[in-house]
Structure formats: structure tokens, C-alpha cells
Amino acid sequence: MRALHLALLPVLLLSSACSLLTPPTAVHQPMTARPAPGAAPVDSGGSIYGSSSRPLFEDRRARLVGDTITVNLVEKTQASKSANASTERKNTTDVGFSTAVGVPGKFLAPLAVGASNDTSFSGKGAAAANNAFTGTITVTVIEVLPNGNLLVSGEKQIAINQGQEFIRFSGVINPNNVTSSNTVQSVQVADARVEYKATGIIDEAQTMGWLSRLFLNVLPF
């Protein structure tokens, strides 16, 4: 059994290393797609343009699997929320016995009972978020939906010294929103998924260790 554990140790280390090199992603898969193979060339009878060529007056906007589209990332979100609540309640009660001649129970005359209650509550909360993401990424059409919309996905990797940055994007594009220069704004993409992740020494230094995370999740205080 000990030998089995020692044999599996390199596999576990390798898998953990791979997870550090390539962070997980939630964008649509596959990340890219190759165009379908074209039809076999046929005799064009001396014509300059064959049957497999695009029409002469057709623009170069993406419309087929394997075509590329440049997405301009112009994501900006801003949200704020505030709440304020306060309540107050007071209650006072006094009970006493007055002195009366000839009335039984004179020994109760000096006694008096009183009760008071004062309750107050005040609560205040506020939250704000402001995010901005700008840039450019070129993605590939991985599927043409039945209604003509294009499902795109793509990734850009940038290596800086001892770290790597991953920019990933996927979503559904309406061909009518694609400009003549074959670009589209990210705010016009449906079901958009934008990711910006990094790996390397700097990213590892900002990550809490697994033992610290364990105690953070287990300890009740």
C-alpha cells in the first residue's frame, strides 16, 4: 500500500501543477474550432472563380465555423445599495395604593409598583461595486445556431516574466451587430462570459494556503 501511495504521488503533483499552469474556465467550449474541410475542387470551365470561392461582392464578416471576430471589451458595471432602519419603543407603568380610612388592607398603602421598558434599534448598511474591463480579443466561431447567431469563444495568453495572464471570452453574437470591419462590442454579445486570470509567483503569493482555508471553513469562530 505504501508503494502504491508513492507511485501515485507524482501523478498528484503533476495534476496540481497543471491546475496552476492553466486555471479553470467557465467560457463556452471548445475554446476554438477549425473550419470544415472544403469540397473537392471541380472543373470551373476556365472561370477565374470556382464554386468554393466566396461571392465577389460579399464582405469579410464572420458567418461560418472557424471564422474569427474581433471583440472590443467595453464592460463597465456600477452598483450601489444603502439601507437605514431605526425603531424605538417606550413603555412606563405605575401602580400604587392610596391611604383610605376604614378600608381593610391599610398595610398596603405605602406600597407602590412600577415598571418601565425602553427598547431601541438602529441599523445601517451600504454596499458599492464599480468594475471596468477594456481591451480587445479576437475569438473564433465555434457554432452557427439554427437562427443564424454565432457562438464564439477564444483565449489570449500573455506571458510576463514568471507569470501568465489569461483573457477569455465567449458568447452569442447576432451577425447584424458585426460591423463591416468584422468587429463587435462586448455589450452587444448575449450570454457573454469574460474572464481575466493569472498564474505565477505573484498570483500564488495572493492565494491563501490550503491548510489556512481548511481552518477557516472548519473553525466556528
Protein backbone atom coordinates (compact mmCIF):
# COMPACT_ATOMS: atom_id res chain seq x y z
CA MET A 1 0.00 0.00 0.00
CA ARG A 2 2.87 2.36 0.82
CA ALA A 3 4.39 1.64 -2.58
CA LEU A 4 1.06 2.48 -4.23
CA HIS A 5 0.93 5.82 -2.43
CA LEU A 6 4.47 6.62 -3.51
CA ALA A 7 3.60 5.71 -7.09
CA LEU A 8 0.55 7.96 -7.10
CA LEU A 9 2.39 10.93 -5.58
CA PRO A 10 3.98 12.10 -8.88
CA VAL A 11 0.59 11.91 -10.58
CA LEU A 12 -0.99 14.10 -7.92
CA LEU A 13 1.85 16.58 -8.09
CA LEU A 14 1.62 16.70 -11.87
CA SER A 15 -2.13 17.28 -11.80
CA SER A 16 -1.77 20.04 -9.23
CA ALA A 17 0.96 21.66 -11.31
CA CYS A 18 -1.25 21.57 -14.41
CA SER A 19 -4.06 23.21 -12.48
CA LEU A 20 -1.67 26.01 -11.53
CA LEU A 21 -0.49 26.49 -15.11
CA THR A 22 -3.99 26.58 -16.62
CA PRO A 23 -6.69 27.97 -14.33
CA PRO A 24 -10.19 26.54 -14.76
CA THR A 25 -12.60 28.39 -17.01
CA ALA A 26 -16.37 28.80 -17.41
CA VAL A 27 -16.41 30.03 -21.01
CA HIS A 28 -18.14 28.02 -23.72
CA GLN A 29 -16.15 25.07 -25.01
CA PRO A 30 -14.34 24.26 -27.19
CA MET A 31 -12.09 27.31 -26.97
CA THR A 32 -11.58 27.32 -30.74
CA ALA A 33 -12.77 25.45 -33.84
CA ARG A 34 -11.33 24.69 -37.23
CA PRO A 35 -13.39 25.26 -40.36
CA ALA A 36 -14.94 22.26 -42.05
CA PRO A 37 -12.91 20.87 -44.96
CA GLY A 38 -13.92 22.38 -48.25
CA ALA A 39 -15.47 20.49 -51.09
CA ALA A 40 -13.24 18.85 -53.61
CA PRO A 41 -12.32 21.27 -56.40
CA VAL A 42 -14.25 20.86 -59.62
CA ASP A 43 -13.51 21.98 -63.13
CA SER A 44 -14.65 25.60 -63.41
CA GLY A 45 -14.55 25.52 -67.18
CA GLY A 46 -11.93 28.23 -67.37
CA SER A 47 -13.68 30.60 -64.92
CA ILE A 48 -11.49 32.63 -62.54
CA TYR A 49 -13.73 31.94 -59.52
CA GLY A 50 -14.54 28.39 -58.57
CA SER A 51 -17.67 27.12 -56.85
CA SER A 52 -15.92 27.05 -53.48
CA SER A 53 -14.95 30.74 -53.55
CA ARG A 54 -16.87 33.40 -51.67
CA PRO A 55 -19.07 35.66 -53.76
CA LEU A 56 -17.20 38.56 -55.34
CA PHE A 57 -19.21 41.31 -53.60
CA GLU A 58 -19.53 39.62 -50.20
CA ASP A 59 -17.89 41.34 -47.24
CA ARG A 60 -15.46 39.60 -44.91
CA ARG A 61 -17.68 39.45 -41.85
CA ALA A 62 -17.64 36.14 -40.00
CA ARG A 63 -20.51 33.79 -40.69
CA LEU A 64 -19.06 30.26 -40.73
CA VAL A 65 -17.47 27.94 -38.17
CA GLY A 66 -13.78 28.75 -37.94
CA ASP A 67 -14.18 32.42 -38.88
CA THR A 68 -12.77 34.98 -36.48
CA ILE A 69 -14.36 38.10 -34.97
CA THR A 70 -12.66 40.88 -33.04
CA VAL A 71 -14.47 41.77 -29.83
CA ASN A 72 -13.96 45.19 -28.26
CA LEU A 73 -14.20 44.73 -24.48
CA VAL A 74 -16.02 47.75 -23.06
CA GLU A 75 -17.50 46.21 -19.93
CA LYS A 76 -18.36 48.62 -17.13
CA THR A 77 -20.65 47.95 -14.19
CA GLN A 78 -21.54 50.17 -11.29
CA ALA A 79 -23.96 49.36 -8.50
CA SER A 80 -24.69 50.77 -5.07
CA LYS A 81 -27.12 49.96 -2.30
CA SER A 82 -27.81 51.54 1.07
CA ALA A 83 -30.30 50.85 3.83
CA ASN A 84 -31.12 52.60 7.09
CA ALA A 85 -33.65 51.49 9.69
CA SER A 86 -34.38 52.58 13.26
CA THR A 87 -37.10 51.75 15.76
CA GLU A 88 -37.83 52.95 19.29
CA ARG A 89 -40.41 51.91 21.86
CA LYS A 90 -41.01 53.13 25.42
CA ASN A 91 -43.49 51.91 27.98
CA THR A 92 -43.98 53.02 31.62
CA THR A 93 -46.44 51.57 34.15
CA ASP A 94 -47.02 52.70 37.77
CA VAL A 95 -49.34 51.00 40.27
CA GLY A 96 -49.92 52.35 43.83
CA PHE A 97 -52.33 52.12 46.76
CA SER A 98 -53.71 55.33 48.26
CA THR A 99 -54.36 55.69 52.02
CA ALA A 100 -58.03 55.39 52.96
CA VAL A 101 -59.60 55.42 56.42
CA GLY A 102 -61.69 52.39 57.33
CA VAL A 103 -60.59 50.39 54.33
CA PRO A 104 -59.09 46.98 55.01
CA GLY A 105 -55.52 46.45 53.94
CA LYS A 106 -54.03 49.71 55.18
CA PHE A 107 -50.64 48.00 55.38
CA LEU A 108 -50.58 48.09 51.57
CA ALA A 109 -50.86 51.88 51.49
CA PRO A 110 -47.13 52.62 51.45
CA LEU A 111 -46.53 50.08 48.72
CA ALA A 112 -46.17 51.05 45.06
CA VAL A 113 -45.31 49.01 42.00
CA GLY A 114 -43.77 50.46 38.90
CA ALA A 115 -42.37 49.05 35.63
CA SER A 116 -40.72 50.65 32.66
CA ASN A 117 -39.46 49.36 29.35
CA ASP A 118 -37.27 51.11 26.83
CA THR A 119 -36.29 49.38 23.59
CA SER A 120 -34.47 50.89 20.66
CA PHE A 121 -32.90 49.53 17.47
CA SER A 122 -30.80 51.16 14.80
CA GLY A 123 -29.31 49.53 11.74
CA LYS A 124 -27.44 50.85 8.75
CA GLY A 125 -25.82 49.16 5.78
CA ALA A 126 -24.20 50.14 2.49
CA ALA A 127 -22.61 48.30 -0.44
CA ALA A 128 -20.98 49.54 -3.63
CA ALA A 129 -19.27 47.93 -6.62
CA ASN A 130 -17.51 49.52 -9.57
CA ASN A 131 -15.83 47.37 -12.23
CA ALA A 132 -14.30 48.25 -15.60
CA PHE A 133 -12.78 45.97 -18.26
CA THR A 134 -11.44 47.32 -21.53
CA GLY A 135 -9.38 45.69 -24.23
CA THR A 136 -9.57 43.70 -27.45
CA ILE A 137 -9.67 39.98 -28.13
CA THR A 138 -10.24 38.01 -31.32
CA VAL A 139 -12.45 34.94 -30.96
CA THR A 140 -13.43 32.07 -33.23
CA VAL A 141 -16.90 30.98 -34.32
CA ILE A 142 -17.35 27.53 -32.82
CA GLU A 143 -21.01 27.00 -33.78
CA VAL A 144 -23.65 28.54 -36.02
CA LEU A 145 -27.03 28.34 -34.30
CA PRO A 146 -30.20 27.46 -36.26
CA ASN A 147 -31.37 31.10 -36.22
CA GLY A 148 -28.07 32.31 -37.68
CA ASN A 149 -26.49 33.61 -34.46
CA LEU A 150 -22.84 32.83 -33.90
CA LEU A 151 -21.48 31.14 -30.79
CA VAL A 152 -17.91 32.38 -30.34
CA SER A 153 -15.13 31.54 -27.91
CA GLY A 154 -11.49 32.50 -27.63
CA GLU A 155 -8.50 32.91 -25.36
CA LYS A 156 -5.45 35.16 -25.22
CA GLN A 157 -2.38 34.20 -23.19
CA ILE A 158 0.25 36.73 -22.21
CA ALA A 159 3.47 35.61 -20.53
CA ILE A 160 5.20 38.24 -18.39
CA ASN A 161 8.44 37.16 -16.71
CA GLN A 162 7.47 34.24 -14.43
CA GLY A 163 3.70 34.57 -14.74
CA GLN A 164 0.98 34.13 -17.33
CA GLU A 165 -2.22 36.09 -17.86
CA PHE A 166 -5.31 34.52 -19.44
CA ILE A 167 -8.03 36.59 -21.10
CA ARG A 168 -11.02 34.50 -22.16
CA PHE A 169 -14.28 35.44 -23.81
CA SER A 170 -17.31 33.61 -25.16
CA GLY A 171 -20.89 34.44 -26.05
CA VAL A 172 -23.57 34.57 -28.73
CA ILE A 173 -23.32 37.23 -31.45
CA ASN A 174 -26.05 38.45 -33.75
CA PRO A 175 -24.46 38.81 -37.22
CA ASN A 176 -26.39 42.06 -37.69
CA ASN A 177 -24.29 43.64 -34.93
CA VAL A 178 -20.99 42.81 -36.62
CA THR A 179 -19.53 45.88 -38.34
CA SER A 180 -18.03 45.96 -41.82
CA SER A 181 -14.59 45.76 -40.21
CA ASN A 182 -15.60 42.45 -38.61
CA THR A 183 -15.75 43.82 -35.05
CA VAL A 184 -18.43 43.84 -32.38
CA GLN A 185 -18.83 45.49 -28.97
CA SER A 186 -18.88 43.16 -25.99
CA VAL A 187 -22.05 44.84 -24.69
CA GLN A 188 -23.83 43.52 -27.81
CA VAL A 189 -22.91 39.90 -27.07
CA ALA A 190 -25.53 37.70 -25.43
CA ASP A 191 -24.64 35.21 -22.69
CA ALA A 192 -21.19 36.82 -22.54
CA ARG A 193 -18.57 35.29 -20.29
CA VAL A 194 -15.44 37.35 -19.68
CA GLU A 195 -12.53 36.08 -17.61
CA TYR A 196 -9.21 37.58 -16.62
CA LYS A 197 -6.99 35.23 -14.62
CA ALA A 198 -3.31 34.89 -13.95
CA THR A 199 -0.82 32.31 -12.75
CA GLY A 200 2.67 32.64 -11.37
CA ILE A 201 4.55 33.68 -8.26
CA ILE A 202 2.58 36.89 -7.73
CA ASP A 203 -0.75 35.10 -8.02
CA GLU A 204 0.37 32.31 -5.68
CA ALA A 205 1.50 34.86 -3.08
CA GLN A 206 -2.01 36.32 -3.03
CA THR A 207 -3.67 32.92 -2.57
CA MET A 208 -4.41 31.55 0.89
CA GLY A 209 -2.82 28.18 1.63
CA TRP A 210 -4.98 25.05 1.69
CA LEU A 211 -4.40 24.47 5.41
CA SER A 212 -5.45 28.03 6.25
CA ARG A 213 -8.58 27.61 4.11
CA LEU A 214 -9.34 24.37 5.93
CA PHE A 215 -9.22 26.01 9.35
CA LEU A 216 -11.19 28.99 8.01
CA ASN A 217 -14.02 26.72 6.87
CA VAL A 218 -14.00 24.38 9.88
CA LEU A 219 -13.49 26.65 12.86
CA PRO A 220 -16.83 28.07 14.11
CA PHE A 221 -15.29 31.33 15.36
